[in-house]
N, C-alpha and C. Protein backbone atom coordinates (compact mmCIF):
# COMPACT_ATOMS: atom_id res chain seq x y z
N MET A 1 169.86 78.14 102.31
CA MET A 1 170.15 78.35 103.55
C MET A 1 169.29 77.12 103.99
N LEU A 2 169.25 76.79 105.41
CA LEU A 2 169.06 75.90 106.31
C LEU A 2 167.66 76.80 107.41
N LYS A 3 166.50 76.11 107.03
CA LYS A 3 165.44 76.26 107.64
C LYS A 3 165.66 76.62 109.19
N PRO A 4 165.22 77.64 109.89
CA PRO A 4 165.15 78.06 111.13
C PRO A 4 164.22 76.40 112.10
N PRO A 5 164.48 76.39 113.13
CA PRO A 5 163.72 75.60 113.63
C PRO A 5 161.97 75.82 114.23
N PRO A 6 161.36 74.83 114.50
CA PRO A 6 159.85 75.44 114.59
C PRO A 6 159.93 76.75 116.03
N PRO A 7 160.44 76.49 116.68
CA PRO A 7 160.20 78.26 117.42
C PRO A 7 160.79 79.28 117.06
N GLU A 8 162.24 79.73 116.68
CA GLU A 8 162.34 80.58 116.12
C GLU A 8 161.51 81.01 114.72
N LEU A 9 160.94 79.57 113.57
CA LEU A 9 160.03 80.19 113.04
C LEU A 9 158.97 81.04 113.25
N LYS A 10 158.53 80.29 114.09
CA LYS A 10 157.13 80.92 114.85
C LYS A 10 157.15 82.50 115.21
N ALA A 11 158.58 82.49 116.20
CA ALA A 11 159.00 83.84 116.34
C ALA A 11 159.09 85.10 115.09
N LEU A 12 159.53 84.16 114.11
CA LEU A 12 159.87 85.31 112.94
C LEU A 12 158.86 85.40 112.16
N ALA A 13 157.54 84.59 112.10
CA ALA A 13 156.02 84.59 111.68
C ALA A 13 155.59 85.53 112.29
N MET A 14 155.33 85.63 113.43
CA MET A 14 155.00 86.90 114.74
C MET A 14 155.91 87.80 114.31
N PHE A 15 157.01 88.33 113.84
CA PHE A 15 157.53 89.63 113.60
C PHE A 15 156.98 90.08 112.46
N VAL A 16 156.96 88.95 111.24
CA VAL A 16 156.48 89.88 110.05
C VAL A 16 154.78 90.05 110.30
N ARG A 17 154.00 89.21 110.82
CA ARG A 17 152.78 89.89 110.92
C ARG A 17 152.71 91.48 111.80
N SER A 18 153.39 91.50 112.65
CA SER A 18 153.42 92.22 113.19
C SER A 18 153.84 94.23 112.56
N HIS A 19 155.06 93.50 111.98
CA HIS A 19 155.73 94.25 111.54
C HIS A 19 155.81 94.26 109.63
N PRO A 20 154.42 94.34 109.13
CA PRO A 20 154.69 94.15 107.77
C PRO A 20 155.30 95.44 106.81
N ASP A 21 155.54 96.69 107.71
CA ASP A 21 157.10 97.33 106.75
C ASP A 21 157.94 96.92 106.61
N PHE A 22 158.60 96.02 107.17
CA PHE A 22 159.98 95.23 107.71
C PHE A 22 160.55 94.77 106.54
N LEU A 23 158.97 94.10 105.55
CA LEU A 23 158.95 92.75 104.73
C LEU A 23 159.28 93.85 103.66
N VAL A 24 158.31 95.11 103.43
CA VAL A 24 158.45 96.03 102.14
C VAL A 24 159.83 96.54 102.23
N TRP A 25 160.64 96.95 103.71
CA TRP A 25 161.81 97.27 103.27
C TRP A 25 162.97 96.54 102.47
N MET A 26 163.15 94.96 103.63
CA MET A 26 163.72 94.05 102.90
C MET A 26 163.26 93.55 101.24
N ASP A 27 162.03 93.74 100.87
CA ASP A 27 161.84 93.53 99.61
C ASP A 27 163.21 94.37 98.76
N ALA A 28 162.68 96.38 98.80
CA ALA A 28 163.02 97.02 98.12
C ALA A 28 164.47 97.30 98.27
N GLU A 29 164.90 97.06 99.49
CA GLU A 29 166.81 96.36 99.43
C GLU A 29 166.99 95.19 98.86
N TYR A 30 166.40 93.94 98.44
CA TYR A 30 166.69 93.21 97.34
C TYR A 30 166.67 93.71 96.27
N HIS A 31 165.47 94.22 96.01
CA HIS A 31 165.88 94.68 94.37
C HIS A 31 166.67 96.12 93.82
N ARG A 32 167.15 96.67 95.03
CA ARG A 32 167.98 97.92 94.91
C ARG A 32 169.70 96.87 94.55
N GLU A 33 169.72 95.69 95.34
CA GLU A 33 170.93 94.90 95.39
C GLU A 33 170.88 94.52 93.47
N LEU A 34 169.55 94.00 93.46
CA LEU A 34 168.99 93.46 92.20
C LEU A 34 169.87 94.20 91.00
N GLU A 35 169.32 95.36 91.27
CA GLU A 35 169.43 96.57 89.77
C GLU A 35 170.88 97.18 90.27
N LYS A 36 171.72 97.20 91.35
CA LYS A 36 173.01 97.50 90.95
C LYS A 36 173.96 95.99 90.09
N LEU A 37 173.50 94.81 90.41
CA LEU A 37 174.81 93.70 89.49
C LEU A 37 174.82 94.16 88.37
N PRO A 38 173.79 94.23 87.24
CA PRO A 38 174.36 94.41 86.10
C PRO A 38 175.76 95.02 85.72
N SER A 39 175.90 96.20 86.29
CA SER A 39 177.27 97.22 86.52
C SER A 39 178.11 97.23 87.33
N ALA A 40 178.10 95.62 87.91
CA ALA A 40 179.58 95.62 88.61
C ALA A 40 180.29 94.74 88.00
N LEU A 41 181.37 95.64 88.32
CA LEU A 41 182.93 95.35 87.30
C LEU A 41 183.58 94.89 88.44
N VAL A 42 183.59 95.09 88.97
CA VAL A 42 184.85 94.92 90.56
C VAL A 42 184.07 93.29 91.43
N ASN A 43 184.57 93.06 92.14
CA ASN A 43 183.76 91.53 92.99
C ASN A 43 182.52 91.43 92.27
N THR A 44 182.01 90.72 91.14
CA THR A 44 181.41 90.41 90.31
C THR A 44 180.32 89.22 91.53
N ALA A 45 181.31 88.24 91.89
CA ALA A 45 180.66 87.33 92.40
C ALA A 45 180.34 87.21 93.88
N VAL A 46 180.93 88.96 94.71
CA VAL A 46 180.58 89.47 96.00
C VAL A 46 179.15 89.82 95.51
N MET A 47 179.16 90.49 94.65
CA MET A 47 177.68 91.17 94.71
C MET A 47 176.62 90.03 94.24
N GLN A 48 176.97 88.75 93.04
CA GLN A 48 175.91 87.86 93.64
C GLN A 48 175.55 86.96 94.67
N GLY A 49 176.59 86.97 95.22
CA GLY A 49 176.65 86.41 96.70
C GLY A 49 175.51 87.58 97.14
N ARG A 50 175.79 88.51 97.61
CA ARG A 50 174.99 89.52 98.58
C ARG A 50 173.36 88.80 97.55
N CYS A 51 173.05 89.20 96.38
CA CYS A 51 171.60 89.66 95.96
C CYS A 51 170.96 87.90 96.32
N GLN A 52 172.10 86.76 96.28
CA GLN A 52 171.29 85.51 97.06
C GLN A 52 170.94 84.94 98.01
N VAL A 53 172.19 86.16 99.20
CA VAL A 53 171.72 86.19 100.79
C VAL A 53 170.18 86.86 100.76
N TRP A 54 170.29 88.12 100.07
CA TRP A 54 168.75 88.64 100.36
C TRP A 54 167.83 88.12 99.86
N GLY A 55 167.64 87.60 98.48
CA GLY A 55 166.99 87.00 97.80
C GLY A 55 166.45 85.47 98.82
N GLU A 56 167.16 84.98 100.13
CA GLU A 56 166.91 83.85 100.17
C GLU A 56 165.89 84.61 101.76
N LEU A 57 166.79 85.56 101.95
CA LEU A 57 166.00 86.28 103.37
C LEU A 57 164.66 86.86 103.50
N VAL A 58 164.36 87.37 102.11
CA VAL A 58 163.32 87.70 101.89
C VAL A 58 162.20 86.65 101.50
N ARG A 59 162.19 85.69 100.73
CA ARG A 59 161.73 84.60 100.81
C ARG A 59 161.41 83.97 102.09
N LEU A 60 162.40 83.77 103.15
CA LEU A 60 162.19 83.08 104.49
C LEU A 60 161.09 84.00 105.15
N PHE A 61 161.36 85.23 105.29
CA PHE A 61 160.02 86.13 105.80
C PHE A 61 158.99 86.54 104.90
N ARG A 62 158.96 86.28 103.80
CA ARG A 62 157.74 86.35 103.47
C ARG A 62 157.01 84.88 103.31
N GLU A 63 157.68 83.97 103.35
CA GLU A 63 156.66 82.69 103.53
C GLU A 63 156.97 81.73 104.87
N SER A 64 157.25 82.85 105.88
CA SER A 64 157.47 82.48 107.41
C SER A 64 155.57 82.26 108.18
N PRO A 65 155.25 83.06 107.47
CA PRO A 65 153.53 82.70 108.62
C PRO A 65 153.21 81.80 107.84
N GLU A 66 153.21 81.46 106.19
CA GLU A 66 152.40 80.22 106.01
C GLU A 66 153.13 78.80 106.58
N ILE A 67 154.64 78.67 106.75
CA ILE A 67 155.01 78.06 106.95
C ILE A 67 154.99 77.30 108.79
N ALA A 68 155.08 78.44 109.50
CA ALA A 68 154.24 78.69 110.80
C ALA A 68 153.12 78.10 110.93
N ALA A 69 152.28 78.27 109.96
CA ALA A 69 150.50 77.95 110.20
C ALA A 69 150.71 76.03 110.20
N LYS A 70 151.48 75.63 109.57
CA LYS A 70 151.82 73.87 109.22
C LYS A 70 152.33 73.38 109.86
N LEU A 71 152.86 74.15 111.18
CA LEU A 71 153.62 73.46 112.35
C LEU A 71 152.80 73.00 113.06
């Protein structure tokens, strides 16, 4: 995933700082998708893709305050 431009990244960092419960929910949803992955018999590639997208989004949200601080 391409990182968003600096203004959007700063806005995302401010959102994460002011709503930390959203990051908790994102992380829980990511782990729920990961737990379902081993039992996926149909459309395994779709499930893997969903896990990858969730993982990248969670990482972006989690790291956005540190990245924005360096800008």
